[in-house]
Amino acid sequence: MASVYQTSDFRNGLKIELDGTPFLMVYFQFVKPGKGTAFTRTKLKNMITGAVIDRTFRSGETVGIADVEEYTMQFQYDEGDMFYFMNMETYETVGITESVLDGVEKYLIDGLEVQVLLYKERPVAVELPNFIEAEITYCEPGVKGNTAQGATKPATIGGGAIVQVPLFVEQGEIIKIDTRTKAYVNRVRK
């Protein structure tokens, strides 16, 4: 496998390295103007700081491949601003700070399997599965007669996230959440 990407290899989700820093390509657009050479516009997210930059590459330019590894890890517990995950291959525990989680921590429930991205053996990102099931730890009871179509109320799940749910959903129920949109999907019958 090559150690560089050509501009023709660009795609969303590509992990590249610029100036010794790992970036995630969140957007790219190939442009062929009437005059001059073709180029590719990109939006790159710094995997360490989370900052997004715009960068243009001429056709044929190369960029380094980021030295990142992805592991399936299981959330174990949290202590202050440290969250501990167990590597499912080696069974060793890895501590990740809240700043790396970047809001994901509110959706973590015991035993949840996530994808952890390591850059040079250092955790830089945690990706939730597309859907999770979580118990509602607090929500107001639905008011009888308040049945306007599409009416919702806020509900808090175990990790602390607040999700808008339909009025008929009650405290203690388990719901399915789409982690990409942070929205309620349905109740889980158990």
C-alpha atoms as a PDB file:
ATOM      1  CA  MET A   1       0.000   0.000   0.000  1.00  0.00           C
ATOM      2  CA  ALA A   2       1.279   3.463  -0.880  1.00  0.00           C
ATOM      3  CA  SER A   3       2.211   5.944   1.836  1.00  0.00           C
ATOM      4  CA  VAL A   4       0.551   8.877   0.040  1.00  0.00           C
ATOM      5  CA  TYR A   5      -2.819   9.717  -1.498  1.00  0.00           C
ATOM      6  CA  GLN A   6      -3.179  11.392  -4.900  1.00  0.00           C
ATOM      7  CA  THR A   7      -5.902  14.014  -5.382  1.00  0.00           C
ATOM      8  CA  SER A   8      -7.787  11.401  -7.433  1.00  0.00           C
ATOM      9  CA  ASP A   9      -8.021   9.257  -4.244  1.00  0.00           C
ATOM     10  CA  PHE A  10      -9.857  11.989  -2.277  1.00  0.00           C
ATOM     11  CA  ARG A  11     -13.223  11.058  -0.744  1.00  0.00           C
ATOM     12  CA  ASN A  12     -15.236  11.973   2.341  1.00  0.00           C
ATOM     13  CA  GLY A  13     -13.949  10.257   5.473  1.00  0.00           C
ATOM     14  CA  LEU A  14     -10.353  10.009   4.204  1.00  0.00           C
ATOM     15  CA  LYS A  15      -7.761  10.305   6.970  1.00  0.00           C
ATOM     16  CA  ILE A  16      -4.712  12.280   5.831  1.00  0.00           C
ATOM     17  CA  GLU A  17      -1.655  13.843   7.441  1.00  0.00           C
ATOM     18  CA  LEU A  18      -0.542  17.426   6.764  1.00  0.00           C
ATOM     19  CA  ASP A  19       2.470  18.973   8.495  1.00  0.00           C
ATOM     20  CA  GLY A  20       2.558  16.142  11.042  1.00  0.00           C
ATOM     21  CA  THR A  21      -1.111  16.561  12.022  1.00  0.00           C
ATOM     22  CA  PRO A  22      -3.934  14.099  11.245  1.00  0.00           C
ATOM     23  CA  PHE A  23      -6.973  15.440   9.401  1.00  0.00           C
ATOM     24  CA  LEU A  24     -10.319  13.924   8.430  1.00  0.00           C
ATOM     25  CA  MET A  25     -11.639  14.960   5.016  1.00  0.00           C
ATOM     26  CA  VAL A  26     -15.238  16.066   5.583  1.00  0.00           C
ATOM     27  CA  TYR A  27     -15.839  17.574   2.123  1.00  0.00           C
ATOM     28  CA  PHE A  28     -14.156  17.626  -1.257  1.00  0.00           C
ATOM     29  CA  GLN A  29     -15.016  19.039  -4.679  1.00  0.00           C
ATOM     30  CA  PHE A  30     -13.134  18.518  -7.931  1.00  0.00           C
ATOM     31  CA  VAL A  31     -13.061  21.709 -10.031  1.00  0.00           C
ATOM     32  CA  LYS A  32     -12.026  21.932 -13.695  1.00  0.00           C
ATOM     33  CA  PRO A  33     -12.068  25.592 -14.710  1.00  0.00           C
ATOM     34  CA  GLY A  34     -12.279  26.702 -18.351  1.00  0.00           C
ATOM     35  CA  LYS A  35      -8.730  28.046 -18.135  1.00  0.00           C
ATOM     36  CA  GLY A  36      -5.872  26.729 -16.061  1.00  0.00           C
ATOM     37  CA  THR A  37      -5.311  23.457 -14.269  1.00  0.00           C
ATOM     38  CA  ALA A  38      -7.882  21.425 -12.375  1.00  0.00           C
ATOM     39  CA  PHE A  39      -7.888  21.486  -8.567  1.00  0.00           C
ATOM     40  CA  THR A  40      -9.717  20.004  -5.599  1.00  0.00           C
ATOM     41  CA  ARG A  41     -11.307  22.083  -2.812  1.00  0.00           C
ATOM     42  CA  THR A  42     -11.484  20.372   0.565  1.00  0.00           C
ATOM     43  CA  LYS A  43     -12.665  20.919   4.127  1.00  0.00           C
ATOM     44  CA  LEU A  44     -10.415  19.149   6.604  1.00  0.00           C
ATOM     45  CA  LYS A  45     -11.136  18.556  10.300  1.00  0.00           C
ATOM     46  CA  ASN A  46      -8.116  18.477  12.597  1.00  0.00           C
ATOM     47  CA  MET A  47      -8.474  15.187  14.480  1.00  0.00           C
ATOM     48  CA  ILE A  48      -6.661  16.532  17.545  1.00  0.00           C
ATOM     49  CA  THR A  49      -8.159  20.022  17.992  1.00  0.00           C
ATOM     50  CA  GLY A  50     -11.422  19.610  16.057  1.00  0.00           C
ATOM     51  CA  ALA A  51     -10.785  22.792  14.020  1.00  0.00           C
ATOM     52  CA  VAL A  52     -11.969  22.755  10.398  1.00  0.00           C
ATOM     53  CA  ILE A  53      -9.834  24.302   7.659  1.00  0.00           C
ATOM     54  CA  ASP A  54     -10.333  24.889   3.928  1.00  0.00           C
ATOM     55  CA  ARG A  55      -7.506  23.671   1.711  1.00  0.00           C
ATOM     56  CA  THR A  56      -7.084  23.575  -2.069  1.00  0.00           C
ATOM     57  CA  PHE A  57      -4.921  20.982  -3.824  1.00  0.00           C
ATOM     58  CA  ARG A  58      -3.741  21.133  -7.448  1.00  0.00           C
ATOM     59  CA  SER A  59      -4.378  18.019  -9.545  1.00  0.00           C
ATOM     60  CA  GLY A  60      -1.630  15.465  -9.084  1.00  0.00           C
ATOM     61  CA  GLU A  61      -0.582  16.750  -5.642  1.00  0.00           C
ATOM     62  CA  THR A  62      -0.030  14.146  -2.949  1.00  0.00           C
ATOM     63  CA  VAL A  63      -0.750  14.075   0.789  1.00  0.00           C
ATOM     64  CA  GLY A  64       0.435  11.669   3.467  1.00  0.00           C
ATOM     65  CA  ILE A  65      -1.696   8.900   4.899  1.00  0.00           C
ATOM     66  CA  ALA A  66      -2.438   9.508   8.591  1.00  0.00           C
ATOM     67  CA  ASP A  67      -0.993   6.902  10.935  1.00  0.00           C
ATOM     68  CA  VAL A  68      -4.369   6.127  12.518  1.00  0.00           C
ATOM     69  CA  GLU A  69      -5.729   2.858  13.789  1.00  0.00           C
ATOM     70  CA  GLU A  70      -9.360   2.100  14.561  1.00  0.00           C
ATOM     71  CA  TYR A  71     -10.323  -0.231  17.390  1.00  0.00           C
ATOM     72  CA  THR A  72     -13.630  -1.516  18.695  1.00  0.00           C
ATOM     73  CA  MET A  73     -13.777  -0.672  22.388  1.00  0.00           C
ATOM     74  CA  GLN A  74     -16.425  -1.101  25.062  1.00  0.00           C
ATOM     75  CA  PHE A  75     -17.343   1.751  27.409  1.00  0.00           C
ATOM     76  CA  GLN A  76     -16.678   0.676  31.013  1.00  0.00           C
ATOM     77  CA  TYR A  77     -17.048   3.655  33.377  1.00  0.00           C
ATOM     78  CA  ASP A  78     -16.195   7.322  33.909  1.00  0.00           C
ATOM     79  CA  GLU A  79     -14.349   9.129  36.677  1.00  0.00           C
ATOM     80  CA  GLY A  80     -14.584  12.913  36.555  1.00  0.00           C
ATOM     81  CA  ASP A  81     -13.535  13.992  33.070  1.00  0.00           C
ATOM     82  CA  MET A  82     -11.862  10.648  32.232  1.00  0.00           C
ATOM     83  CA  PHE A  83     -13.810   7.929  30.436  1.00  0.00           C
ATOM     84  CA  TYR A  84     -12.503   4.355  30.378  1.00  0.00           C
ATOM     85  CA  PHE A  85     -12.881   1.932  27.483  1.00  0.00           C
ATOM     86  CA  MET A  86     -11.790  -1.688  27.124  1.00  0.00           C
ATOM     87  CA  ASN A  87     -10.099  -2.745  23.885  1.00  0.00           C
ATOM     88  CA  MET A  88     -12.117  -5.743  22.636  1.00  0.00           C
ATOM     89  CA  GLU A  89      -9.009  -7.410  21.135  1.00  0.00           C
ATOM     90  CA  THR A  90      -6.408  -6.966  23.880  1.00  0.00           C
ATOM     91  CA  TYR A  91      -8.733  -6.427  26.881  1.00  0.00           C
ATOM     92  CA  GLU A  92      -6.605  -3.516  28.106  1.00  0.00           C
ATOM     93  CA  THR A  93      -8.305  -0.397  29.452  1.00  0.00           C
ATOM     94  CA  VAL A  94      -7.760   2.989  27.813  1.00  0.00           C
ATOM     95  CA  GLY A  95      -8.591   6.322  29.468  1.00  0.00           C
ATOM     96  CA  ILE A  96      -9.921   9.090  27.210  1.00  0.00           C
ATOM     97  CA  THR A  97     -10.491  12.679  28.309  1.00  0.00           C
ATOM     98  CA  GLU A  98     -13.840  14.421  27.916  1.00  0.00           C
ATOM     99  CA  SER A  99     -12.307  16.952  25.488  1.00  0.00           C
ATOM    100  CA  VAL A 100     -11.514  14.140  22.995  1.00  0.00           C
ATOM    101  CA  LEU A 101     -15.085  12.790  23.261  1.00  0.00           C
ATOM    102  CA  ASP A 102     -16.495  16.133  22.061  1.00  0.00           C
ATOM    103  CA  GLY A 103     -20.114  15.644  23.231  1.00  0.00           C
ATOM    104  CA  VAL A 104     -20.240  11.883  22.630  1.00  0.00           C
ATOM    105  CA  GLU A 105     -20.006  11.235  26.384  1.00  0.00           C
ATOM    106  CA  LYS A 106     -23.689  12.103  26.904  1.00  0.00           C
ATOM    107  CA  TYR A 107     -24.683   9.079  24.817  1.00  0.00           C
ATOM    108  CA  LEU A 108     -22.356   6.563  26.482  1.00  0.00           C
ATOM    109  CA  ILE A 109     -24.081   3.775  28.397  1.00  0.00           C
ATOM    110  CA  ASP A 110     -22.405   0.870  30.184  1.00  0.00           C
ATOM    111  CA  GLY A 111     -21.224  -1.824  27.804  1.00  0.00           C
ATOM    112  CA  LEU A 112     -21.704   0.257  24.629  1.00  0.00           C
ATOM    113  CA  GLU A 113     -19.258  -0.702  21.872  1.00  0.00           C
ATOM    114  CA  VAL A 114     -17.735   2.273  20.031  1.00  0.00           C
ATOM    115  CA  GLN A 115     -14.998   2.872  17.451  1.00  0.00           C
ATOM    116  CA  VAL A 116     -11.927   4.595  18.928  1.00  0.00           C
ATOM    117  CA  LEU A 117      -9.434   6.208  16.575  1.00  0.00           C
ATOM    118  CA  LEU A 118      -5.809   6.279  17.721  1.00  0.00           C
ATOM    119  CA  TYR A 119      -3.164   8.512  16.140  1.00  0.00           C
ATOM    120  CA  LYS A 120       0.333   7.363  17.065  1.00  0.00           C
ATOM    121  CA  GLU A 121      -1.146   5.350  19.970  1.00  0.00           C
ATOM    122  CA  ARG A 122      -3.049   8.423  21.271  1.00  0.00           C
ATOM    123  CA  PRO A 123      -6.895   8.513  21.258  1.00  0.00           C
ATOM    124  CA  VAL A 124      -8.124  11.329  19.001  1.00  0.00           C
ATOM    125  CA  ALA A 125     -11.783  10.466  18.287  1.00  0.00           C
ATOM    126  CA  VAL A 126     -14.641   8.252  19.460  1.00  0.00           C
ATOM    127  CA  GLU A 127     -17.425   7.285  17.065  1.00  0.00           C
ATOM    128  CA  LEU A 128     -20.764   6.000  18.331  1.00  0.00           C
ATOM    129  CA  PRO A 129     -22.723   3.274  16.525  1.00  0.00           C
ATOM    130  CA  ASN A 130     -25.498   4.699  14.294  1.00  0.00           C
ATOM    131  CA  PHE A 131     -28.201   3.600  16.760  1.00  0.00           C
ATOM    132  CA  ILE A 132     -28.168   3.058  20.511  1.00  0.00           C
ATOM    133  CA  GLU A 133     -30.779   1.856  22.986  1.00  0.00           C
ATOM    134  CA  ALA A 134     -30.962   3.766  26.263  1.00  0.00           C
ATOM    135  CA  GLU A 135     -33.248   3.931  29.270  1.00  0.00           C
ATOM    136  CA  ILE A 136     -35.047   7.173  30.048  1.00  0.00           C
ATOM    137  CA  THR A 137     -33.935   8.254  33.508  1.00  0.00           C
ATOM    138  CA  TYR A 138     -36.191  11.318  33.686  1.00  0.00           C
ATOM    139  CA  CYS A 139     -39.090  12.842  31.775  1.00  0.00           C
ATOM    140  CA  GLU A 140     -42.301  14.648  32.640  1.00  0.00           C
ATOM    141  CA  PRO A 141     -45.461  12.546  32.440  1.00  0.00           C
ATOM    142  CA  GLY A 142     -47.583  13.049  29.313  1.00  0.00           C
ATOM    143  CA  VAL A 143     -50.600  15.286  29.960  1.00  0.00           C
ATOM    144  CA  LYS A 144     -53.923  13.630  29.147  1.00  0.00           C
ATOM    145  CA  GLY A 145     -55.737  15.464  26.384  1.00  0.00           C
ATOM    146  CA  ASN A 146     -52.513  17.022  25.096  1.00  0.00           C
ATOM    147  CA  THR A 147     -52.444  14.931  21.911  1.00  0.00           C
ATOM    148  CA  ALA A 148     -51.591  17.411  19.194  1.00  0.00           C
ATOM    149  CA  GLN A 149     -49.978  15.531  16.342  1.00  0.00           C
ATOM    150  CA  GLY A 150     -46.189  15.511  16.577  1.00  0.00           C
ATOM    151  CA  ALA A 151     -46.075  16.910  20.113  1.00  0.00           C
ATOM    152  CA  THR A 152     -42.875  16.067  21.977  1.00  0.00           C
ATOM    153  CA  LYS A 153     -41.322  16.496  25.393  1.00  0.00           C
ATOM    154  CA  PRO A 154     -37.703  16.400  26.609  1.00  0.00           C
ATOM    155  CA  ALA A 155     -36.418  13.142  28.123  1.00  0.00           C
ATOM    156  CA  THR A 156     -33.049  12.525  29.783  1.00  0.00           C
ATOM    157  CA  ILE A 157     -31.197   9.269  29.128  1.00  0.00           C
ATOM    158  CA  GLY A 158     -28.597   7.549  31.327  1.00  0.00           C
ATOM    159  CA  GLY A 159     -25.547   9.431  30.016  1.00  0.00           C
ATOM    160  CA  GLY A 160     -27.207  12.815  30.462  1.00  0.00           C
ATOM    161  CA  ALA A 161     -28.283  13.570  26.889  1.00  0.00           C
ATOM    162  CA  ILE A 162     -31.683  15.179  26.417  1.00  0.00           C
ATOM    163  CA  VAL A 163     -33.753  13.766  23.558  1.00  0.00           C
ATOM    164  CA  GLN A 164     -37.153  14.969  22.312  1.00  0.00           C
ATOM    165  CA  VAL A 165     -39.635  12.083  22.568  1.00  0.00           C
ATOM    166  CA  PRO A 166     -43.390  11.723  21.859  1.00  0.00           C
ATOM    167  CA  LEU A 167     -45.764  12.441  24.758  1.00  0.00           C
ATOM    168  CA  PHE A 168     -46.671   8.744  25.251  1.00  0.00           C
ATOM    169  CA  VAL A 169     -43.098   7.743  26.177  1.00  0.00           C
ATOM    170  CA  GLU A 170     -42.590   7.428  29.941  1.00  0.00           C
ATOM    171  CA  GLN A 171     -39.734   7.364  32.418  1.00  0.00           C
ATOM    172  CA  GLY A 172     -38.065   3.939  32.713  1.00  0.00           C
ATOM    173  CA  GLU A 173     -38.790   2.944  29.114  1.00  0.00           C
ATOM    174  CA  ILE A 174     -36.007   2.006  26.729  1.00  0.00           C
ATOM    175  CA  ILE A 175     -35.830   3.986  23.502  1.00  0.00           C
ATOM    176  CA  LYS A 176     -33.806   3.750  20.308  1.00  0.00           C
ATOM    177  CA  ILE A 177     -31.811   6.871  19.345  1.00  0.00           C
ATOM    178  CA  ASP A 178     -30.154   7.757  16.034  1.00  0.00           C
ATOM    179  CA  THR A 179     -26.745   9.064  17.181  1.00  0.00           C
ATOM    180  CA  ARG A 180     -26.086  10.861  13.879  1.00  0.00           C
ATOM    181  CA  THR A 181     -29.099  13.155  14.287  1.00  0.00           C
ATOM    182  CA  LYS A 182     -29.451  12.767  18.094  1.00  0.00           C
ATOM    183  CA  ALA A 183     -33.154  12.019  17.533  1.00  0.00           C
ATOM    184  CA  TYR A 184     -35.661   9.550  18.972  1.00  0.00           C
ATOM    185  CA  VAL A 185     -36.461   6.637  16.629  1.00  0.00           C
ATOM    186  CA  ASN A 186     -38.875   4.413  18.568  1.00  0.00           C
ATOM    187  CA  ARG A 187     -39.583   2.559  21.807  1.00  0.00           C
ATOM    188  CA  VAL A 188     -37.928  -0.807  22.331  1.00  0.00           C
ATOM    189  CA  ARG A 189     -40.221  -3.603  23.444  1.00  0.00           C
ATOM    190  CA  LYS A 190     -38.538  -5.854  26.007  1.00  0.00           C
END
